[in-house]
């Protein structure tokens, strides 16, 4: 709340680079919008839908997401939403979906209740709603449908391996009671259910969210995020003894 108030009364500066003049300068906005692509984690967890992101989790995108989530700079929400809308459109076009005809149901991955209380808002839900508003003027029938909730407490994911993230999130989401009828109605209308999150790292969160929706009878062909964490796989240069050191996945 304090950050939002300061943005109203102080001269704006770019959340991506600090340049004065606007909450998101032209260069940082362009960086966020220019490269929507399929960026699945490697290896992908079982049950992960086709996974696309607007960009990689570095540079301006990383700084903007941190500004929104950790410092409450809600003024960057429209810029992040534009990136999300761009990647939704790109993913549907790549899948040969009739982008301007089939309705979309954007389902945000829910934040932990404690995190939402601490921040005073749910960043993923806010960006999802703004992305839906960005797509509607283009003729896309789209709704943001917050129909998932956490069914139990989970530990902080930071620093956990892929296996531990999967175990931490196992059966952690469920469809909000009373929303299964809405989900069924959307499916009868031929809506494409698209999961939305801010960042994909191992894919465990999106896979668990997809499981919960499928358990309620939904098809979940696609997941989109603002950013994807680069996976550190491959090899390192030889060490002093000439042996190649393997680099494990993050």
C-alpha atoms as a PDB file:
ATOM      1  CA  UNK A   1       0.000   0.000   0.000  1.00  0.00           C
ATOM      2  CA  UNK A   2       2.823   2.411   0.870  1.00  0.00           C
ATOM      3  CA  UNK A   3       4.555   1.713  -2.444  1.00  0.00           C
ATOM      4  CA  UNK A   4       1.309   2.333  -4.333  1.00  0.00           C
ATOM      5  CA  UNK A   5       0.818   5.659  -2.528  1.00  0.00           C
ATOM      6  CA  UNK A   6       4.396   6.735  -3.223  1.00  0.00           C
ATOM      7  CA  UNK A   7       3.889   5.987  -6.924  1.00  0.00           C
ATOM      8  CA  UNK A   8       1.005   8.461  -6.872  1.00  0.00           C
ATOM      9  CA  UNK A   9       2.869  11.341  -5.235  1.00  0.00           C
ATOM     10  CA  UNK A  10       6.510  10.926  -6.331  1.00  0.00           C
ATOM     11  CA  UNK A  11       7.948  11.291  -9.842  1.00  0.00           C
ATOM     12  CA  UNK A  12       7.696   7.836 -11.458  1.00  0.00           C
ATOM     13  CA  UNK A  13      10.725   5.724 -12.259  1.00  0.00           C
ATOM     14  CA  UNK A  14      10.936   2.534 -14.296  1.00  0.00           C
ATOM     15  CA  UNK A  15      10.618  -0.642 -12.235  1.00  0.00           C
ATOM     16  CA  UNK A  16      12.789  -2.419 -14.781  1.00  0.00           C
ATOM     17  CA  UNK A  17      15.814  -0.116 -14.949  1.00  0.00           C
ATOM     18  CA  UNK A  18      15.205   2.846 -12.612  1.00  0.00           C
ATOM     19  CA  UNK A  19      15.053   5.399 -15.428  1.00  0.00           C
ATOM     20  CA  UNK A  20      12.867   8.367 -14.427  1.00  0.00           C
ATOM     21  CA  UNK A  21       9.761   9.255 -16.376  1.00  0.00           C
ATOM     22  CA  UNK A  22       7.383   6.274 -16.180  1.00  0.00           C
ATOM     23  CA  UNK A  23       6.688   3.090 -14.214  1.00  0.00           C
ATOM     24  CA  UNK A  24       7.923   1.070 -17.200  1.00  0.00           C
ATOM     25  CA  UNK A  25      10.101   2.697 -19.848  1.00  0.00           C
ATOM     26  CA  UNK A  26       9.834   1.917 -23.547  1.00  0.00           C
ATOM     27  CA  UNK A  27      12.964  -0.258 -23.611  1.00  0.00           C
ATOM     28  CA  UNK A  28      11.933  -2.418 -20.623  1.00  0.00           C
ATOM     29  CA  UNK A  29       8.401  -2.791 -21.961  1.00  0.00           C
ATOM     30  CA  UNK A  30       9.774  -3.868 -25.331  1.00  0.00           C
ATOM     31  CA  UNK A  31      12.044  -6.398 -23.607  1.00  0.00           C
ATOM     32  CA  UNK A  32       9.008  -7.902 -21.895  1.00  0.00           C
ATOM     33  CA  UNK A  33       6.924  -8.119 -25.073  1.00  0.00           C
ATOM     34  CA  UNK A  34       9.320  -9.145 -27.799  1.00  0.00           C
ATOM     35  CA  UNK A  35       9.865 -12.872 -27.302  1.00  0.00           C
ATOM     36  CA  UNK A  36       6.817 -14.980 -26.317  1.00  0.00           C
ATOM     37  CA  UNK A  37       7.712 -18.645 -26.727  1.00  0.00           C
ATOM     38  CA  UNK A  38       7.207 -22.171 -25.458  1.00  0.00           C
ATOM     39  CA  UNK A  39       9.575 -22.524 -22.495  1.00  0.00           C
ATOM     40  CA  UNK A  40       8.782 -25.756 -20.664  1.00  0.00           C
ATOM     41  CA  UNK A  41      11.013 -26.796 -17.772  1.00  0.00           C
ATOM     42  CA  UNK A  42      13.485 -29.562 -18.531  1.00  0.00           C
ATOM     43  CA  UNK A  43      12.505 -32.160 -17.538  1.00  0.00           C
ATOM     44  CA  UNK A  44       8.802 -31.300 -17.316  1.00  0.00           C
ATOM     45  CA  UNK A  45       6.847 -32.824 -14.415  1.00  0.00           C
ATOM     46  CA  UNK A  46       4.074 -35.304 -15.137  1.00  0.00           C
ATOM     47  CA  UNK A  47       0.798 -33.602 -15.959  1.00  0.00           C
ATOM     48  CA  UNK A  48       2.288 -30.257 -16.986  1.00  0.00           C
ATOM     49  CA  UNK A  49       0.243 -28.617 -19.783  1.00  0.00           C
ATOM     50  CA  UNK A  50       1.973 -27.095 -22.776  1.00  0.00           C
ATOM     51  CA  UNK A  51       3.899 -24.255 -21.156  1.00  0.00           C
ATOM     52  CA  UNK A  52       4.594 -20.806 -22.659  1.00  0.00           C
ATOM     53  CA  UNK A  53       6.078 -17.623 -21.220  1.00  0.00           C
ATOM     54  CA  UNK A  54       6.412 -14.023 -22.346  1.00  0.00           C
ATOM     55  CA  UNK A  55      10.136 -13.936 -21.581  1.00  0.00           C
ATOM     56  CA  UNK A  56      12.884 -15.353 -19.375  1.00  0.00           C
ATOM     57  CA  UNK A  57      13.142 -14.528 -15.683  1.00  0.00           C
ATOM     58  CA  UNK A  58      16.010 -12.089 -15.844  1.00  0.00           C
ATOM     59  CA  UNK A  59      16.672  -8.449 -16.661  1.00  0.00           C
ATOM     60  CA  UNK A  60      13.726  -6.072 -16.689  1.00  0.00           C
ATOM     61  CA  UNK A  61      11.107  -8.825 -16.331  1.00  0.00           C
ATOM     62  CA  UNK A  62      12.670 -10.115 -13.128  1.00  0.00           C
ATOM     63  CA  UNK A  63      12.958  -6.640 -11.642  1.00  0.00           C
ATOM     64  CA  UNK A  64       9.352  -5.764 -12.552  1.00  0.00           C
ATOM     65  CA  UNK A  65       7.970  -8.965 -11.050  1.00  0.00           C
ATOM     66  CA  UNK A  66       9.925  -8.403  -7.853  1.00  0.00           C
ATOM     67  CA  UNK A  67       8.722  -4.798  -7.735  1.00  0.00           C
ATOM     68  CA  UNK A  68       5.117  -5.995  -7.916  1.00  0.00           C
ATOM     69  CA  UNK A  69       5.379  -8.985  -5.582  1.00  0.00           C
ATOM     70  CA  UNK A  70       7.856  -7.822  -2.976  1.00  0.00           C
ATOM     71  CA  UNK A  71       7.559  -4.035  -3.035  1.00  0.00           C
ATOM     72  CA  UNK A  72       3.900  -3.578  -3.886  1.00  0.00           C
ATOM     73  CA  UNK A  73       4.458  -1.501  -7.059  1.00  0.00           C
ATOM     74  CA  UNK A  74       1.059  -2.263  -8.543  1.00  0.00           C
ATOM     75  CA  UNK A  75       1.646   0.330 -11.285  1.00  0.00           C
ATOM     76  CA  UNK A  76       3.575  -2.317 -13.241  1.00  0.00           C
ATOM     77  CA  UNK A  77       0.517  -4.611 -13.391  1.00  0.00           C
ATOM     78  CA  UNK A  78      -0.654  -3.320 -16.822  1.00  0.00           C
ATOM     79  CA  UNK A  79       2.791  -3.852 -18.366  1.00  0.00           C
ATOM     80  CA  UNK A  80       3.075  -7.410 -17.043  1.00  0.00           C
ATOM     81  CA  UNK A  81      -0.502  -8.041 -18.185  1.00  0.00           C
ATOM     82  CA  UNK A  82       0.395  -6.873 -21.706  1.00  0.00           C
ATOM     83  CA  UNK A  83       3.198  -9.448 -21.765  1.00  0.00           C
ATOM     84  CA  UNK A  84       0.805 -12.122 -20.551  1.00  0.00           C
ATOM     85  CA  UNK A  85      -1.810 -11.205 -23.163  1.00  0.00           C
ATOM     86  CA  UNK A  86       0.884 -11.330 -25.841  1.00  0.00           C
ATOM     87  CA  UNK A  87       1.985 -14.830 -24.880  1.00  0.00           C
ATOM     88  CA  UNK A  88      -1.610 -16.122 -24.660  1.00  0.00           C
ATOM     89  CA  UNK A  89      -2.222 -14.952 -28.219  1.00  0.00           C
ATOM     90  CA  UNK A  90       1.076 -16.396 -29.475  1.00  0.00           C
ATOM     91  CA  UNK A  91       0.423 -19.772 -27.837  1.00  0.00           C
ATOM     92  CA  UNK A  92      -3.096 -20.052 -29.256  1.00  0.00           C
ATOM     93  CA  UNK A  93      -1.897 -19.127 -32.729  1.00  0.00           C
ATOM     94  CA  UNK A  94       0.841 -21.757 -32.516  1.00  0.00           C
ATOM     95  CA  UNK A  95      -1.750 -24.347 -31.491  1.00  0.00           C
ATOM     96  CA  UNK A  96      -3.883 -23.360 -34.521  1.00  0.00           C
ATOM     97  CA  UNK A  97      -6.718 -22.319 -32.199  1.00  0.00           C
ATOM     98  CA  UNK A  98      -9.244 -19.803 -33.601  1.00  0.00           C
ATOM     99  CA  UNK A  99      -7.983 -16.992 -31.413  1.00  0.00           C
ATOM    100  CA  UNK A 100     -10.957 -14.687 -31.990  1.00  0.00           C
ATOM    101  CA  UNK A 101     -13.698 -17.318 -31.613  1.00  0.00           C
ATOM    102  CA  UNK A 102     -13.235 -19.859 -28.826  1.00  0.00           C
ATOM    103  CA  UNK A 103     -13.778 -18.315 -25.396  1.00  0.00           C
ATOM    104  CA  UNK A 104     -10.869 -18.351 -22.986  1.00  0.00           C
ATOM    105  CA  UNK A 105     -10.978 -19.019 -19.268  1.00  0.00           C
ATOM    106  CA  UNK A 106      -7.803 -17.690 -17.636  1.00  0.00           C
ATOM    107  CA  UNK A 107      -7.340 -19.432 -14.290  1.00  0.00           C
ATOM    108  CA  UNK A 108      -4.751 -17.793 -12.002  1.00  0.00           C
ATOM    109  CA  UNK A 109      -2.671 -20.012  -9.737  1.00  0.00           C
ATOM    110  CA  UNK A 110      -3.589 -18.853  -6.219  1.00  0.00           C
ATOM    111  CA  UNK A 111      -1.071 -17.301  -3.890  1.00  0.00           C
ATOM    112  CA  UNK A 112      -0.779 -18.630  -0.354  1.00  0.00           C
ATOM    113  CA  UNK A 113      -3.283 -16.908   1.930  1.00  0.00           C
ATOM    114  CA  UNK A 114      -0.503 -15.698   4.231  1.00  0.00           C
ATOM    115  CA  UNK A 115       1.416 -14.203   1.309  1.00  0.00           C
ATOM    116  CA  UNK A 116      -1.704 -12.417   0.018  1.00  0.00           C
ATOM    117  CA  UNK A 117      -2.414 -10.990   3.477  1.00  0.00           C
ATOM    118  CA  UNK A 118       1.172  -9.797   3.832  1.00  0.00           C
ATOM    119  CA  UNK A 119       1.198  -8.143   0.405  1.00  0.00           C
ATOM    120  CA  UNK A 120      -2.340  -6.826   0.625  1.00  0.00           C
ATOM    121  CA  UNK A 121      -3.132  -8.240  -2.834  1.00  0.00           C
ATOM    122  CA  UNK A 122      -2.721 -11.326  -5.023  1.00  0.00           C
ATOM    123  CA  UNK A 123      -0.290 -10.368  -7.824  1.00  0.00           C
ATOM    124  CA  UNK A 124      -1.057 -13.285 -10.141  1.00  0.00           C
ATOM    125  CA  UNK A 125      -4.797 -12.732  -9.900  1.00  0.00           C
ATOM    126  CA  UNK A 126      -4.391  -8.996 -10.564  1.00  0.00           C
ATOM    127  CA  UNK A 127      -2.179  -9.556 -13.621  1.00  0.00           C
ATOM    128  CA  UNK A 128      -4.549 -12.248 -14.943  1.00  0.00           C
ATOM    129  CA  UNK A 129      -7.569  -9.933 -14.663  1.00  0.00           C
ATOM    130  CA  UNK A 130      -5.657  -7.133 -16.389  1.00  0.00           C
ATOM    131  CA  UNK A 131      -4.568  -9.509 -19.178  1.00  0.00           C
ATOM    132  CA  UNK A 132      -8.187 -10.538 -19.755  1.00  0.00           C
ATOM    133  CA  UNK A 133      -9.105  -6.853 -20.053  1.00  0.00           C
ATOM    134  CA  UNK A 134      -6.223  -6.412 -22.527  1.00  0.00           C
ATOM    135  CA  UNK A 135      -7.518  -9.227 -24.751  1.00  0.00           C
ATOM    136  CA  UNK A 136     -11.219  -8.307 -24.865  1.00  0.00           C
ATOM    137  CA  UNK A 137     -10.856  -5.199 -27.094  1.00  0.00           C
ATOM    138  CA  UNK A 138      -9.117  -7.444 -29.637  1.00  0.00           C
ATOM    139  CA  UNK A 139     -12.347  -9.418 -30.032  1.00  0.00           C
ATOM    140  CA  UNK A 140     -11.279 -12.292 -27.792  1.00  0.00           C
ATOM    141  CA  UNK A 141     -14.083 -13.587 -25.531  1.00  0.00           C
ATOM    142  CA  UNK A 142     -12.174 -14.093 -22.289  1.00  0.00           C
ATOM    143  CA  UNK A 143     -12.851 -14.248 -18.580  1.00  0.00           C
ATOM    144  CA  UNK A 144     -10.536 -14.424 -15.590  1.00  0.00           C
ATOM    145  CA  UNK A 145     -11.819 -17.198 -13.344  1.00  0.00           C
ATOM    146  CA  UNK A 146     -10.145 -17.519  -9.912  1.00  0.00           C
ATOM    147  CA  UNK A 147     -11.471 -21.005  -9.211  1.00  0.00           C
ATOM    148  CA  UNK A 148      -8.510 -22.579  -7.412  1.00  0.00           C
ATOM    149  CA  UNK A 149      -7.452 -22.323  -3.787  1.00  0.00           C
ATOM    150  CA  UNK A 150      -4.797 -23.906  -1.601  1.00  0.00           C
ATOM    151  CA  UNK A 151      -6.237 -26.865   0.275  1.00  0.00           C
ATOM    152  CA  UNK A 152      -3.393 -26.982   2.809  1.00  0.00           C
ATOM    153  CA  UNK A 153      -0.352 -25.022   3.842  1.00  0.00           C
ATOM    154  CA  UNK A 154       2.815 -25.466   1.812  1.00  0.00           C
ATOM    155  CA  UNK A 155       6.417 -24.597   2.597  1.00  0.00           C
ATOM    156  CA  UNK A 156       8.307 -21.786   0.887  1.00  0.00           C
ATOM    157  CA  UNK A 157       9.475 -23.140  -2.483  1.00  0.00           C
ATOM    158  CA  UNK A 158      12.712 -21.136  -2.586  1.00  0.00           C
ATOM    159  CA  UNK A 159      15.758 -23.390  -2.566  1.00  0.00           C
ATOM    160  CA  UNK A 160      13.825 -26.649  -2.985  1.00  0.00           C
ATOM    161  CA  UNK A 161      14.854 -29.190  -5.611  1.00  0.00           C
ATOM    162  CA  UNK A 162      12.441 -30.313  -8.329  1.00  0.00           C
ATOM    163  CA  UNK A 163      11.547 -33.463  -6.374  1.00  0.00           C
ATOM    164  CA  UNK A 164      10.998 -31.559  -3.138  1.00  0.00           C
ATOM    165  CA  UNK A 165       8.886 -28.922  -4.871  1.00  0.00           C
ATOM    166  CA  UNK A 166       6.674 -31.668  -6.300  1.00  0.00           C
ATOM    167  CA  UNK A 167       6.308 -33.319  -2.876  1.00  0.00           C
ATOM    168  CA  UNK A 168       5.648 -29.971  -1.199  1.00  0.00           C
ATOM    169  CA  UNK A 169       2.824 -29.198  -3.644  1.00  0.00           C
ATOM    170  CA  UNK A 170       1.292 -32.665  -3.921  1.00  0.00           C
ATOM    171  CA  UNK A 171      -2.527 -32.295  -3.655  1.00  0.00           C
ATOM    172  CA  UNK A 172      -2.070 -28.716  -2.422  1.00  0.00           C
ATOM    173  CA  UNK A 173      -4.743 -27.162  -4.697  1.00  0.00           C
ATOM    174  CA  UNK A 174      -8.459 -27.732  -5.104  1.00  0.00           C
ATOM    175  CA  UNK A 175     -11.324 -26.137  -7.007  1.00  0.00           C
ATOM    176  CA  UNK A 176     -13.203 -23.693  -4.797  1.00  0.00           C
ATOM    177  CA  UNK A 177     -16.429 -25.361  -3.603  1.00  0.00           C
ATOM    178  CA  UNK A 178     -19.338 -24.200  -5.743  1.00  0.00           C
ATOM    179  CA  UNK A 179     -17.165 -23.392  -8.778  1.00  0.00           C
ATOM    180  CA  UNK A 180     -17.313 -26.841 -10.410  1.00  0.00           C
ATOM    181  CA  UNK A 181     -20.620 -25.909 -12.072  1.00  0.00           C
ATOM    182  CA  UNK A 182     -19.027 -22.805 -13.588  1.00  0.00           C
ATOM    183  CA  UNK A 183     -16.126 -24.899 -14.814  1.00  0.00           C
ATOM    184  CA  UNK A 184     -18.511 -27.381 -16.440  1.00  0.00           C
ATOM    185  CA  UNK A 185     -20.445 -24.547 -18.101  1.00  0.00           C
ATOM    186  CA  UNK A 186     -17.245 -23.088 -19.543  1.00  0.00           C
ATOM    187  CA  UNK A 187     -16.264 -26.472 -20.932  1.00  0.00           C
ATOM    188  CA  UNK A 188     -19.696 -26.924 -22.560  1.00  0.00           C
ATOM    189  CA  UNK A 189     -19.193 -23.595 -24.335  1.00  0.00           C
ATOM    190  CA  UNK A 190     -15.906 -24.907 -25.720  1.00  0.00           C
ATOM    191  CA  UNK A 191     -13.763 -22.579 -23.604  1.00  0.00           C
ATOM    192  CA  UNK A 192     -10.013 -23.123 -23.623  1.00  0.00           C
ATOM    193  CA  UNK A 193      -8.852 -23.307 -19.995  1.00  0.00           C
ATOM    194  CA  UNK A 194      -5.499 -21.575 -19.625  1.00  0.00           C
ATOM    195  CA  UNK A 195      -3.559 -21.738 -16.356  1.00  0.00           C
ATOM    196  CA  UNK A 196      -1.720 -18.533 -15.444  1.00  0.00           C
ATOM    197  CA  UNK A 197       1.210 -17.950 -13.101  1.00  0.00           C
ATOM    198  CA  UNK A 198       3.924 -15.328 -12.786  1.00  0.00           C
ATOM    199  CA  UNK A 199       7.012 -17.566 -13.093  1.00  0.00           C
ATOM    200  CA  UNK A 200       7.651 -21.183 -14.053  1.00  0.00           C
ATOM    201  CA  UNK A 201      10.724 -22.865 -12.607  1.00  0.00           C
ATOM    202  CA  UNK A 202      10.343 -26.644 -12.275  1.00  0.00           C
ATOM    203  CA  UNK A 203       6.689 -26.683 -13.369  1.00  0.00           C
ATOM    204  CA  UNK A 204       5.513 -28.370 -10.157  1.00  0.00           C
ATOM    205  CA  UNK A 205       3.051 -25.601  -9.266  1.00  0.00           C
ATOM    206  CA  UNK A 206       1.417 -25.566 -12.696  1.00  0.00           C
ATOM    207  CA  UNK A 207       1.273 -29.373 -12.830  1.00  0.00           C
ATOM    208  CA  UNK A 208      -0.462 -29.519  -9.440  1.00  0.00           C
ATOM    209  CA  UNK A 209      -2.923 -26.766 -10.426  1.00  0.00           C
ATOM    210  CA  UNK A 210      -3.702 -28.644 -13.650  1.00  0.00           C
ATOM    211  CA  UNK A 211      -4.284 -31.850 -11.642  1.00  0.00           C
ATOM    212  CA  UNK A 212      -6.858 -30.099  -9.460  1.00  0.00           C
ATOM    213  CA  UNK A 213      -8.731 -28.734 -12.481  1.00  0.00           C
ATOM    214  CA  UNK A 214      -8.688 -32.100 -14.277  1.00  0.00           C
ATOM    215  CA  UNK A 215     -10.012 -33.783 -11.161  1.00  0.00           C
ATOM    216  CA  UNK A 216     -12.994 -31.418 -11.437  1.00  0.00           C
ATOM    217  CA  UNK A 217     -13.532 -32.459 -15.050  1.00  0.00           C
ATOM    218  CA  UNK A 218     -11.687 -29.758 -16.979  1.00  0.00           C
ATOM    219  CA  UNK A 219      -9.329 -30.124 -19.887  1.00  0.00           C
ATOM    220  CA  UNK A 220      -6.207 -28.022 -19.341  1.00  0.00           C
ATOM    221  CA  UNK A 221      -4.197 -27.852 -22.575  1.00  0.00           C
ATOM    222  CA  UNK A 222      -2.160 -24.737 -21.870  1.00  0.00           C
ATOM    223  CA  UNK A 223      -0.293 -22.850 -19.146  1.00  0.00           C
ATOM    224  CA  UNK A 224       1.229 -19.396 -19.541  1.00  0.00           C
ATOM    225  CA  UNK A 225       3.497 -17.292 -17.351  1.00  0.00           C
ATOM    226  CA  UNK A 226       5.072 -13.881 -17.502  1.00  0.00           C
ATOM    227  CA  UNK A 227       8.547 -15.393 -17.189  1.00  0.00           C
ATOM    228  CA  UNK A 228      10.415 -18.700 -17.169  1.00  0.00           C
ATOM    229  CA  UNK A 229      13.467 -19.352 -15.041  1.00  0.00           C
ATOM    230  CA  UNK A 230      16.427 -20.409 -17.203  1.00  0.00           C
ATOM    231  CA  UNK A 231      17.399 -23.983 -16.324  1.00  0.00           C
ATOM    232  CA  UNK A 232      21.121 -24.544 -15.718  1.00  0.00           C
ATOM    233  CA  UNK A 233      21.723 -27.788 -17.540  1.00  0.00           C
ATOM    234  CA  UNK A 234      24.568 -29.043 -19.657  1.00  0.00           C
ATOM    235  CA  UNK A 235      28.303 -29.138 -19.000  1.00  0.00           C
ATOM    236  CA  UNK A 236      30.925 -26.883 -17.534  1.00  0.00           C
ATOM    237  CA  UNK A 237      34.427 -26.369 -18.909  1.00  0.00           C
ATOM    238  CA  UNK A 238      36.965 -29.071 -17.950  1.00  0.00           C
ATOM    239  CA  UNK A 239      38.544 -28.813 -14.518  1.00  0.00           C
ATOM    240  CA  UNK A 240      42.254 -28.909 -13.759  1.00  0.00           C
ATOM    241  CA  UNK A 241      42.327 -32.692 -14.116  1.00  0.00           C
ATOM    242  CA  UNK A 242      40.759 -32.466 -17.593  1.00  0.00           C
ATOM    243  CA  UNK A 243      37.447 -34.000 -16.530  1.00  0.00           C
ATOM    244  CA  UNK A 244      34.202 -32.419 -17.647  1.00  0.00           C
ATOM    245  CA  UNK A 245      32.091 -31.324 -14.694  1.00  0.00           C
ATOM    246  CA  UNK A 246      28.368 -31.884 -15.076  1.00  0.00           C
ATOM    247  CA  UNK A 247      25.954 -29.083 -14.269  1.00  0.00           C
ATOM    248  CA  UNK A 248      22.771 -30.210 -12.589  1.00  0.00           C
ATOM    249  CA  UNK A 249      19.303 -28.737 -13.111  1.00  0.00           C
ATOM    250  CA  UNK A 250      18.236 -26.006 -10.723  1.00  0.00           C
END
